[in-house]
C-alpha atoms as a PDB file:
ATOM      1  CA  MET A   1     -29.262  14.691   0.994  1.00  0.00           C
ATOM      2  CA  ASN A   2     -29.770  12.029  -1.640  1.00  0.00           C
ATOM      3  CA  ILE A   3     -26.277  10.852  -2.588  1.00  0.00           C
ATOM      4  CA  LEU A   4     -24.971   8.413  -5.178  1.00  0.00           C
ATOM      5  CA  VAL A   5     -21.570   6.773  -4.728  1.00  0.00           C
ATOM      6  CA  LEU A   6     -19.992   5.133  -7.762  1.00  0.00           C
ATOM      7  CA  GLY A   7     -17.660   2.560  -6.290  1.00  0.00           C
ATOM      8  CA  GLY A   8     -17.682   2.256  -2.528  1.00  0.00           C
ATOM      9  CA  THR A   9     -17.290  -1.360  -1.553  1.00  0.00           C
ATOM     10  CA  ARG A  10     -13.625  -1.329  -0.565  1.00  0.00           C
ATOM     11  CA  PHE A  11     -10.858   0.772   0.965  1.00  0.00           C
ATOM     12  CA  PHE A  12     -11.629   4.454   1.572  1.00  0.00           C
ATOM     13  CA  GLY A  13     -14.909   4.156  -0.348  1.00  0.00           C
ATOM     14  CA  ILE A  14     -16.214   2.223   2.643  1.00  0.00           C
ATOM     15  CA  HIS A  15     -15.117   5.030   4.967  1.00  0.00           C
ATOM     16  CA  LEU A  16     -16.830   7.545   2.681  1.00  0.00           C
ATOM     17  CA  ILE A  17     -20.138   5.718   2.920  1.00  0.00           C
ATOM     18  CA  LYS A  18     -19.849   5.305   6.689  1.00  0.00           C
ATOM     19  CA  SER A  19     -19.170   9.033   7.077  1.00  0.00           C
ATOM     20  CA  LEU A  20     -22.087   9.943   4.805  1.00  0.00           C
ATOM     21  CA  LEU A  21     -24.437   7.721   6.806  1.00  0.00           C
ATOM     22  CA  MET A  22     -23.201   9.211  10.088  1.00  0.00           C
ATOM     23  CA  ARG A  23     -24.029  12.647   8.676  1.00  0.00           C
ATOM     24  CA  GLY A  24     -27.602  11.525   8.025  1.00  0.00           C
ATOM     25  CA  HIS A  25     -27.516  11.296   4.234  1.00  0.00           C
ATOM     26  CA  GLU A  26     -29.475   8.827   2.116  1.00  0.00           C
ATOM     27  CA  VAL A  27     -26.877   6.819   0.202  1.00  0.00           C
ATOM     28  CA  THR A  28     -27.149   4.768  -2.966  1.00  0.00           C
ATOM     29  CA  VAL A  29     -24.147   2.647  -3.930  1.00  0.00           C
ATOM     30  CA  ALA A  30     -23.644   1.833  -7.613  1.00  0.00           C
ATOM     31  CA  THR A  31     -21.284  -1.034  -8.457  1.00  0.00           C
ATOM     32  CA  ARG A  32     -21.080  -3.971 -10.828  1.00  0.00           C
ATOM     33  CA  GLY A  33     -22.252  -6.159  -7.977  1.00  0.00           C
ATOM     34  CA  ASN A  34     -19.085  -8.246  -7.926  1.00  0.00           C
ATOM     35  CA  LYS A  35     -18.264  -7.529  -4.285  1.00  0.00           C
ATOM     36  CA  GLU A  36     -20.541  -7.738  -1.259  1.00  0.00           C
ATOM     37  CA  ASP A  37     -20.617  -5.032   1.394  1.00  0.00           C
ATOM     38  CA  ASP A  38     -21.529  -4.871   5.061  1.00  0.00           C
ATOM     39  CA  PHE A  39     -23.967  -1.960   4.913  1.00  0.00           C
ATOM     40  CA  GLY A  40     -27.123  -4.092   5.058  1.00  0.00           C
ATOM     41  CA  THR A  41     -30.312  -2.075   4.680  1.00  0.00           C
ATOM     42  CA  SER A  42     -28.624   1.245   5.501  1.00  0.00           C
ATOM     43  CA  VAL A  43     -27.890   1.924   1.813  1.00  0.00           C
ATOM     44  CA  ASN A  44     -29.671   1.501  -1.502  1.00  0.00           C
ATOM     45  CA  ARG A  45     -27.913  -0.476  -4.217  1.00  0.00           C
ATOM     46  CA  ILE A  46     -27.780  -0.256  -7.986  1.00  0.00           C
ATOM     47  CA  HIS A  47     -25.898  -2.711 -10.189  1.00  0.00           C
ATOM     48  CA  VAL A  48     -24.528  -1.066 -13.318  1.00  0.00           C
ATOM     49  CA  ASP A  49     -21.514  -1.349 -15.593  1.00  0.00           C
ATOM     50  CA  HIS A  50     -19.959   2.099 -15.260  1.00  0.00           C
ATOM     51  CA  LEU A  51     -17.791   1.435 -18.328  1.00  0.00           C
ATOM     52  CA  ASN A  52     -20.863   0.896 -20.510  1.00  0.00           C
ATOM     53  CA  ALA A  53     -22.283   4.290 -21.497  1.00  0.00           C
ATOM     54  CA  GLN A  54     -25.590   2.837 -22.689  1.00  0.00           C
ATOM     55  CA  ASP A  55     -26.071   0.842 -19.484  1.00  0.00           C
ATOM     56  CA  MET A  56     -25.348   3.977 -17.471  1.00  0.00           C
ATOM     57  CA  LYS A  57     -27.927   6.039 -19.391  1.00  0.00           C
ATOM     58  CA  GLN A  58     -30.627   3.387 -19.083  1.00  0.00           C
ATOM     59  CA  THR A  59     -29.973   2.829 -15.383  1.00  0.00           C
ATOM     60  CA  PHE A  60     -30.029   6.494 -14.365  1.00  0.00           C
ATOM     61  CA  ALA A  61     -32.552   7.839 -16.882  1.00  0.00           C
ATOM     62  CA  ASN A  62     -35.104   8.886 -14.262  1.00  0.00           C
ATOM     63  CA  HIS A  63     -32.791   9.618 -11.330  1.00  0.00           C
ATOM     64  CA  HIS A  64     -31.533  12.868  -9.869  1.00  0.00           C
ATOM     65  CA  TYR A  65     -29.127  13.159  -6.960  1.00  0.00           C
ATOM     66  CA  ASP A  66     -28.055  16.011  -4.761  1.00  0.00           C
ATOM     67  CA  VAL A  67     -24.460  14.757  -4.852  1.00  0.00           C
ATOM     68  CA  VAL A  68     -22.657  12.146  -6.937  1.00  0.00           C
ATOM     69  CA  TYR A  69     -19.261  10.742  -5.927  1.00  0.00           C
ATOM     70  CA  ASP A  70     -17.188   9.097  -8.632  1.00  0.00           C
ATOM     71  CA  ASN A  71     -14.465   7.017  -6.997  1.00  0.00           C
ATOM     72  CA  ILE A  72     -13.759   4.891 -10.075  1.00  0.00           C
ATOM     73  CA  CYS A  73     -13.218   7.459 -12.833  1.00  0.00           C
ATOM     74  CA  TYR A  74      -9.823   7.050 -14.454  1.00  0.00           C
ATOM     75  CA  CYS A  75     -10.065   8.895 -17.752  1.00  0.00           C
ATOM     76  CA  SER A  76     -12.020  11.413 -19.790  1.00  0.00           C
ATOM     77  CA  ASN A  77     -14.265   8.745 -21.357  1.00  0.00           C
ATOM     78  CA  ASP A  78     -15.147   7.425 -17.883  1.00  0.00           C
ATOM     79  CA  LEU A  79     -16.124  10.918 -16.816  1.00  0.00           C
ATOM     80  CA  ARG A  80     -18.255  11.504 -19.899  1.00  0.00           C
ATOM     81  CA  ALA A  81     -20.096   8.206 -19.385  1.00  0.00           C
ATOM     82  CA  VAL A  82     -21.121   9.359 -15.903  1.00  0.00           C
ATOM     83  CA  LEU A  83     -22.000  12.987 -16.537  1.00  0.00           C
ATOM     84  CA  GLU A  84     -23.942  12.213 -19.706  1.00  0.00           C
ATOM     85  CA  ALA A  85     -26.028   9.695 -17.765  1.00  0.00           C
ATOM     86  CA  VAL A  86     -26.434  10.959 -14.194  1.00  0.00           C
ATOM     87  CA  SER A  87     -28.174  14.182 -13.185  1.00  0.00           C
ATOM     88  CA  CYS A  88     -26.853  15.821 -10.020  1.00  0.00           C
ATOM     89  CA  ASP A  89     -26.519  19.169  -8.278  1.00  0.00           C
ATOM     90  CA  ARG A  90     -22.945  18.511  -7.169  1.00  0.00           C
ATOM     91  CA  PHE A  91     -20.294  16.156  -8.554  1.00  0.00           C
ATOM     92  CA  ILE A  92     -17.242  15.050  -6.573  1.00  0.00           C
ATOM     93  CA  LEU A  93     -14.460  13.415  -8.573  1.00  0.00           C
ATOM     94  CA  MET A  94     -11.822  11.261  -6.907  1.00  0.00           C
ATOM     95  CA  SER A  95      -8.613  12.493  -8.497  1.00  0.00           C
ATOM     96  CA  THR A  96      -4.976  12.145  -7.441  1.00  0.00           C
ATOM     97  CA  THR A  97      -1.798  14.103  -6.757  1.00  0.00           C
ATOM     98  CA  ALA A  98      -0.344  12.124  -9.679  1.00  0.00           C
ATOM     99  CA  VAL A  99      -1.704  14.953 -11.848  1.00  0.00           C
ATOM    100  CA  TYR A 100       1.186  17.084 -10.562  1.00  0.00           C
ATOM    101  CA  GLU A 101       4.884  17.198 -11.206  1.00  0.00           C
ATOM    102  CA  LEU A 102       5.382  16.726  -7.496  1.00  0.00           C
ATOM    103  CA  HIS A 103       7.645  18.875  -5.347  1.00  0.00           C
ATOM    104  CA  ASN A 104       7.655  20.283  -1.841  1.00  0.00           C
ATOM    105  CA  HIS A 105       4.570  22.362  -0.993  1.00  0.00           C
ATOM    106  CA  THR A 106       2.614  21.199  -4.028  1.00  0.00           C
ATOM    107  CA  VAL A 107      -0.486  23.402  -4.373  1.00  0.00           C
ATOM    108  CA  GLU A 108      -3.629  23.000  -6.448  1.00  0.00           C
ATOM    109  CA  GLU A 109      -2.558  25.644  -8.947  1.00  0.00           C
ATOM    110  CA  ASN A 110       0.405  23.499  -9.984  1.00  0.00           C
ATOM    111  CA  TYR A 111      -1.952  21.637 -12.323  1.00  0.00           C
ATOM    112  CA  LYS A 112      -4.527  23.714 -14.189  1.00  0.00           C
ATOM    113  CA  PRO A 113      -6.826  21.418 -16.195  1.00  0.00           C
ATOM    114  CA  GLU A 114      -8.333  24.354 -18.064  1.00  0.00           C
ATOM    115  CA  GLU A 115      -4.957  24.926 -19.737  1.00  0.00           C
ATOM    116  CA  LYS A 116      -4.645  21.362 -21.018  1.00  0.00           C
ATOM    117  CA  GLU A 117      -5.789  20.133 -24.427  1.00  0.00           C
ATOM    118  CA  LEU A 118      -8.783  17.847 -23.992  1.00  0.00           C
ATOM    119  CA  ILE A 119      -8.377  14.346 -25.386  1.00  0.00           C
ATOM    120  CA  TRP A 120     -11.165  11.800 -25.077  1.00  0.00           C
ATOM    121  CA  CYS A 121      -9.478   8.559 -24.132  1.00  0.00           C
ATOM    122  CA  ASP A 122      -9.814   5.235 -22.355  1.00  0.00           C
ATOM    123  CA  ARG A 123      -7.738   4.424 -19.288  1.00  0.00           C
ATOM    124  CA  GLU A 124      -5.217   2.311 -21.221  1.00  0.00           C
ATOM    125  CA  ALA A 125      -4.330   5.158 -23.601  1.00  0.00           C
ATOM    126  CA  PHE A 126      -1.823   6.924 -21.362  1.00  0.00           C
ATOM    127  CA  PRO A 127      -0.043   6.447 -18.006  1.00  0.00           C
ATOM    128  CA  TYR A 128      -2.125   6.816 -14.853  1.00  0.00           C
ATOM    129  CA  GLY A 129      -1.233  10.436 -14.116  1.00  0.00           C
ATOM    130  CA  GLU A 130      -2.024  11.540 -17.646  1.00  0.00           C
ATOM    131  CA  VAL A 131      -5.440   9.873 -17.892  1.00  0.00           C
ATOM    132  CA  LYS A 132      -6.385  11.451 -14.566  1.00  0.00           C
ATOM    133  CA  ARG A 133      -5.262  14.850 -15.859  1.00  0.00           C
ATOM    134  CA  LEU A 134      -7.517  14.350 -18.862  1.00  0.00           C
ATOM    135  CA  ALA A 135     -10.441  13.358 -16.649  1.00  0.00           C
ATOM    136  CA  GLU A 136     -10.078  16.638 -14.759  1.00  0.00           C
ATOM    137  CA  CYS A 137      -9.626  18.478 -18.044  1.00  0.00           C
ATOM    138  CA  ALA A 138     -12.908  17.053 -19.362  1.00  0.00           C
ATOM    139  CA  LEU A 139     -14.680  18.027 -16.162  1.00  0.00           C
ATOM    140  CA  ARG A 140     -13.398  21.588 -16.362  1.00  0.00           C
ATOM    141  CA  LYS A 141     -13.812  22.157 -20.108  1.00  0.00           C
ATOM    142  CA  GLN A 142     -16.741  20.001 -21.227  1.00  0.00           C
ATOM    143  CA  TYR A 143     -18.862  20.301 -18.082  1.00  0.00           C
ATOM    144  CA  GLU A 144     -17.910  23.744 -16.846  1.00  0.00           C
ATOM    145  CA  GLN A 145     -21.485  24.478 -15.725  1.00  0.00           C
ATOM    146  CA  GLN A 146     -21.511  21.464 -13.408  1.00  0.00           C
ATOM    147  CA  ASN A 147     -20.948  22.251  -9.727  1.00  0.00           C
ATOM    148  CA  ALA A 148     -17.928  20.025  -9.147  1.00  0.00           C
ATOM    149  CA  VAL A 149     -14.891  19.267  -7.015  1.00  0.00           C
ATOM    150  CA  ALA A 150     -11.792  17.267  -7.962  1.00  0.00           C
ATOM    151  CA  VAL A 151     -10.207  15.837  -4.812  1.00  0.00           C
ATOM    152  CA  ARG A 152      -6.507  15.093  -5.119  1.00  0.00           C
ATOM    153  CA  TYR A 153      -4.969  12.521  -2.753  1.00  0.00           C
ATOM    154  CA  PRO A 154      -1.429  11.132  -2.507  1.00  0.00           C
ATOM    155  CA  PHE A 155      -0.805   7.499  -1.501  1.00  0.00           C
ATOM    156  CA  VAL A 156      -3.705   6.283   0.645  1.00  0.00           C
ATOM    157  CA  ILE A 157      -2.709   3.881   3.421  1.00  0.00           C
ATOM    158  CA  GLY A 158      -4.426   2.093   6.277  1.00  0.00           C
ATOM    159  CA  GLU A 159      -5.083  -1.310   7.767  1.00  0.00           C
ATOM    160  CA  ASP A 160      -7.538  -1.922   4.919  1.00  0.00           C
ATOM    161  CA  ASP A 161      -5.081  -1.024   2.125  1.00  0.00           C
ATOM    162  CA  TYR A 162      -5.567  -3.728  -0.489  1.00  0.00           C
ATOM    163  CA  THR A 163      -2.503  -2.526  -2.463  1.00  0.00           C
ATOM    164  CA  GLU A 164      -0.227  -3.589   0.430  1.00  0.00           C
ATOM    165  CA  ARG A 165       2.476  -1.193  -0.742  1.00  0.00           C
ATOM    166  CA  LEU A 166       3.506  -0.073   2.731  1.00  0.00           C
ATOM    167  CA  LYS A 167       3.253  -3.678   3.911  1.00  0.00           C
ATOM    168  CA  PHE A 168       5.854  -4.588   1.271  1.00  0.00           C
ATOM    169  CA  TYR A 169       8.593  -2.699   3.125  1.00  0.00           C
ATOM    170  CA  VAL A 170       7.634  -4.093   6.515  1.00  0.00           C
ATOM    171  CA  GLU A 171       7.578  -7.696   5.324  1.00  0.00           C
ATOM    172  CA  HIS A 172      10.811  -7.401   3.385  1.00  0.00           C
ATOM    173  CA  VAL A 173      12.636  -6.099   6.439  1.00  0.00           C
ATOM    174  CA  MET A 174      11.129  -8.751   8.724  1.00  0.00           C
ATOM    175  CA  ASN A 175      11.965 -11.560   6.287  1.00  0.00           C
ATOM    176  CA  GLU A 176      15.329 -10.012   5.370  1.00  0.00           C
ATOM    177  CA  THR A 177      14.345 -10.304   1.727  1.00  0.00           C
ATOM    178  CA  PRO A 178      16.460  -8.193  -0.661  1.00  0.00           C
ATOM    179  CA  MET A 179      14.636  -5.194  -2.118  1.00  0.00           C
ATOM    180  CA  ASN A 180      15.577  -2.471  -4.547  1.00  0.00           C
ATOM    181  CA  VAL A 181      14.652   0.936  -3.109  1.00  0.00           C
ATOM    182  CA  ASP A 182      15.611   3.976  -5.193  1.00  0.00           C
ATOM    183  CA  ASN A 183      14.245   6.781  -3.005  1.00  0.00           C
ATOM    184  CA  LEU A 184      15.127   5.790   0.541  1.00  0.00           C
ATOM    185  CA  ASN A 185      15.598   9.296   1.935  1.00  0.00           C
ATOM    186  CA  ASN A 186      12.889  11.147   0.025  1.00  0.00           C
ATOM    187  CA  GLN A 187      10.225  12.739   2.211  1.00  0.00           C
ATOM    188  CA  MET A 188       6.729  11.798   1.007  1.00  0.00           C
ATOM    189  CA  SER A 189       3.104  12.536   1.864  1.00  0.00           C
ATOM    190  CA  PHE A 190       0.344  10.060   2.683  1.00  0.00           C
ATOM    191  CA  ILE A 191      -3.297  10.098   3.705  1.00  0.00           C
ATOM    192  CA  ARG A 192      -4.996   7.659   6.069  1.00  0.00           C
ATOM    193  CA  SER A 193      -7.874   5.778   4.462  1.00  0.00           C
ATOM    194  CA  CYS A 194     -10.455   6.716   7.104  1.00  0.00           C
ATOM    195  CA  GLU A 195      -9.623  10.418   6.732  1.00  0.00           C
ATOM    196  CA  ALA A 196      -9.686  10.108   2.946  1.00  0.00           C
ATOM    197  CA  GLY A 197     -13.269   8.872   3.175  1.00  0.00           C
ATOM    198  CA  ASP A 198     -14.300  11.379   5.821  1.00  0.00           C
ATOM    199  CA  PHE A 199     -12.943  14.388   3.911  1.00  0.00           C
ATOM    200  CA  LEU A 200     -14.852  13.327   0.816  1.00  0.00           C
ATOM    201  CA  ALA A 201     -18.043  13.092   2.884  1.00  0.00           C
ATOM    202  CA  TYR A 202     -17.363  16.496   4.436  1.00  0.00           C
ATOM    203  CA  LEU A 203     -17.279  18.092   0.984  1.00  0.00           C
ATOM    204  CA  ALA A 204     -20.853  17.024   0.156  1.00  0.00           C
ATOM    205  CA  ASP A 205     -22.508  20.160   1.511  1.00  0.00           C
ATOM    206  CA  GLN A 206     -19.643  22.626   1.124  1.00  0.00           C
ATOM    207  CA  GLU A 207     -19.766  25.427  -1.431  1.00  0.00           C
ATOM    208  CA  TYR A 208     -16.198  24.950  -2.639  1.00  0.00           C
ATOM    209  CA  THR A 209     -15.696  24.057  -6.307  1.00  0.00           C
ATOM    210  CA  GLY A 210     -12.532  23.272  -8.251  1.00  0.00           C
ATOM    211  CA  ALA A 211      -9.528  21.177  -7.288  1.00  0.00           C
ATOM    212  CA  ILE A 212      -8.628  20.558  -3.654  1.00  0.00           C
ATOM    213  CA  ASN A 213      -5.817  18.609  -2.017  1.00  0.00           C
ATOM    214  CA  GLY A 214      -6.327  16.177   0.830  1.00  0.00           C
ATOM    215  CA  CYS A 215      -3.389  14.882   2.838  1.00  0.00           C
ATOM    216  CA  ASN A 216      -2.231  14.225   6.377  1.00  0.00           C
ATOM    217  CA  GLU A 217       0.037  16.874   7.842  1.00  0.00           C
ATOM    218  CA  GLY A 218       3.770  16.243   7.661  1.00  0.00           C
ATOM    219  CA  THR A 219       5.891  13.828   5.655  1.00  0.00           C
ATOM    220  CA  ILE A 220       7.979  10.729   6.249  1.00  0.00           C
ATOM    221  CA  SER A 221      10.772   8.918   4.419  1.00  0.00           C
ATOM    222  CA  LEU A 222      11.058   5.227   3.684  1.00  0.00           C
ATOM    223  CA  TYR A 223      14.291   5.304   5.688  1.00  0.00           C
ATOM    224  CA  GLU A 224      12.324   6.358   8.770  1.00  0.00           C
ATOM    225  CA  ILE A 225       9.738   3.636   8.166  1.00  0.00           C
ATOM    226  CA  ILE A 226      12.339   0.931   7.598  1.00  0.00           C
ATOM    227  CA  SER A 227      14.451   2.043  10.583  1.00  0.00           C
ATOM    228  CA  PHE A 228      11.371   1.763  12.807  1.00  0.00           C
ATOM    229  CA  VAL A 229      10.750  -1.796  11.614  1.00  0.00           C
ATOM    230  CA  GLU A 230      14.407  -2.684  12.162  1.00  0.00           C
ATOM    231  CA  GLU A 231      14.330  -1.311  15.712  1.00  0.00           C
ATOM    232  CA  LYS A 232      11.082  -3.101  16.593  1.00  0.00           C
ATOM    233  CA  THR A 233      12.030  -6.474  15.095  1.00  0.00           C
ATOM    234  CA  GLY A 234      15.815  -6.699  15.378  1.00  0.00           C
ATOM    235  CA  LYS A 235      15.976  -7.448  11.653  1.00  0.00           C
ATOM    236  CA  ARG A 236      18.006  -5.550   9.082  1.00  0.00           C
ATOM    237  CA  ALA A 237      16.879  -4.375   5.696  1.00  0.00           C
ATOM    238  CA  GLN A 238      18.626  -6.004   2.774  1.00  0.00           C
ATOM    239  CA  TYR A 239      19.132  -3.670  -0.165  1.00  0.00           C
ATOM    240  CA  SER A 240      20.080  -4.915  -3.613  1.00  0.00           C
ATOM    241  CA  LEU A 241      19.690  -3.659  -7.156  1.00  0.00           C
ATOM    242  CA  LYS A 242      18.636  -7.209  -7.991  1.00  0.00           C
ATOM    243  CA  GLY A 243      16.108  -7.322  -5.139  1.00  0.00           C
ATOM    244  CA  ASP A 244      12.331  -7.062  -5.384  1.00  0.00           C
ATOM    245  CA  GLU A 245      11.302  -3.737  -6.893  1.00  0.00           C
ATOM    246  CA  ALA A 246       9.851  -1.537  -4.141  1.00  0.00           C
ATOM    247  CA  PRO A 247       6.348  -0.197  -4.868  1.00  0.00           C
ATOM    248  CA  TYR A 248       7.076   3.491  -4.199  1.00  0.00           C
ATOM    249  CA  ASN A 249      10.148   3.545  -6.439  1.00  0.00           C
ATOM    250  CA  GLY A 250      10.349   6.517  -8.760  1.00  0.00           C
ATOM    251  CA  THR A 251       8.530   8.806  -6.341  1.00  0.00           C
ATOM    252  CA  THR A 252      10.365  12.081  -5.920  1.00  0.00           C
ATOM    253  CA  GLU A 253      10.577  14.015  -2.660  1.00  0.00           C
ATOM    254  CA  TYR A 254       7.417  16.045  -2.219  1.00  0.00           C
ATOM    255  CA  SER A 255       4.798  17.388   0.139  1.00  0.00           C
ATOM    256  CA  ILE A 256       1.175  18.352  -0.421  1.00  0.00           C
ATOM    257  CA  ASP A 257      -0.230  21.707   0.651  1.00  0.00           C
ATOM    258  CA  THR A 258      -3.676  21.503   2.297  1.00  0.00           C
ATOM    259  CA  GLN A 259      -4.376  25.170   3.017  1.00  0.00           C
ATOM    260  CA  LYS A 260      -7.522  25.110   0.881  1.00  0.00           C
ATOM    261  CA  ALA A 261      -8.901  22.182   2.877  1.00  0.00           C
ATOM    262  CA  ARG A 262      -8.267  24.116   6.076  1.00  0.00           C
ATOM    263  CA  ARG A 263     -10.024  27.164   4.609  1.00  0.00           C
ATOM    264  CA  VAL A 264     -13.192  25.126   4.076  1.00  0.00           C
ATOM    265  CA  GLY A 265     -12.991  23.981   7.686  1.00  0.00           C
ATOM    266  CA  TYR A 266     -11.318  20.580   7.542  1.00  0.00           C
ATOM    267  CA  THR A 267      -8.114  19.748   9.415  1.00  0.00           C
ATOM    268  CA  PHE A 268      -6.179  16.538   8.824  1.00  0.00           C
ATOM    269  CA  THR A 269      -4.260  14.795  11.586  1.00  0.00           C
ATOM    270  CA  ASN A 270      -0.475  14.661  11.664  1.00  0.00           C
ATOM    271  CA  LEU A 271       0.956  11.705   9.780  1.00  0.00           C
ATOM    272  CA  LYS A 272       3.425  10.728  12.493  1.00  0.00           C
ATOM    273  CA  ASP A 273       0.692  10.636  15.144  1.00  0.00           C
ATOM    274  CA  TRP A 274      -0.602   7.358  13.668  1.00  0.00           C
ATOM    275  CA  ILE A 275       1.656   5.887  10.990  1.00  0.00           C
ATOM    276  CA  TYR A 276       3.855   4.057  13.485  1.00  0.00           C
ATOM    277  CA  ASP A 277       0.767   2.335  14.892  1.00  0.00           C
ATOM    278  CA  LEU A 278      -0.050   1.264  11.336  1.00  0.00           C
ATOM    279  CA  ILE A 279       3.470  -0.128  10.909  1.00  0.00           C
ATOM    280  CA  ASP A 280       3.038  -2.011  14.210  1.00  0.00           C
ATOM    281  CA  PHE A 281      -0.179  -3.472  12.785  1.00  0.00           C
ATOM    282  CA  TYR A 282       1.761  -4.900   9.845  1.00  0.00           C
ATOM    283  CA  ILE A 283       4.557  -6.150  12.104  1.00  0.00           C
ATOM    284  CA  ASP A 284       2.092  -8.013  14.315  1.00  0.00           C
ATOM    285  CA  LYS A 285      -0.091  -9.269  11.469  1.00  0.00           C
END
C-alpha cells in the first residue's frame, strides 16, 4: 500500500515506519525537515509545515494515499488541516488514553467523541487531554464518512524515550536526589515504544474503525520500579515534598483494557516481561 506518515522521525514513529517497511508498504514521510532520519532511500520524503493549512493543501493537492498516519495531531484544527488537504482511503489518528477519566479496566466506550460538543481550537487552547478529545470529536463528527481509527496509548516508554520520564525515577534513586512523588503505590499502564509502532502498522490493512486502545498487558507501580532500582544499586530513594516534582505525578491508579485489539488479532506482551530490562538499561547508562 501507498502510505503517508505525518511525523515519524523519532520515538515510536520510527518503529511505525520500520514495521510498515517490513510489511512491504511504500512509505512517504512528511515532516518539517528539521530532523534527519536513518531510512535512506527506503522511504520517500516530503517537507511540509503541518500547522500551515495552505502549505498542506498545496503540498498534497495531487496526492492520494491508501493510508495516512497522523502522529502529530494535537487538536481539532490540526486534524482539519490534514483532512482538508490529504486524500486517503484510511486515516489513523494517534490519540491518547488522556481522553479518559482513567480507572481500572478503562475501555474505549468510556470516552465517546460523538457525544462531545465540537470546538475548533489550537493546541494551546485547552489542556492536553481536552485538545485530544476535541481532535477525536472533529474526526467523528466533521469527517464521519472517513474510514478512520483513533489509537489510544498510555505512557509510551523505551530505550528511545526522549521524554526521559521513567529515567527520572531511576536517576533520582541512584543519585539519592530528593523527589516529590504523589502516587507511589498507584498501579499504572504503559506501552513499549516498539510495540506502539508495530500495532499502528498492523492496523493499516485491518477493517476496524473507531477508537481502539493499545497497551502492554499488566500494570506496575512506581514503588515497584523504585524498589527494583534500590535493590540493584544499593541506593535509597529520598522522598520530600520539596524535592524535584516527579513526571508521573497526578496520575491516578488505572489500567487499560485491550480486548478490542485482541479481537482484531493483535496481542501485546506482558509489561513485566521487559520493563525490568528497560530499568537496567537506565541503571547502566
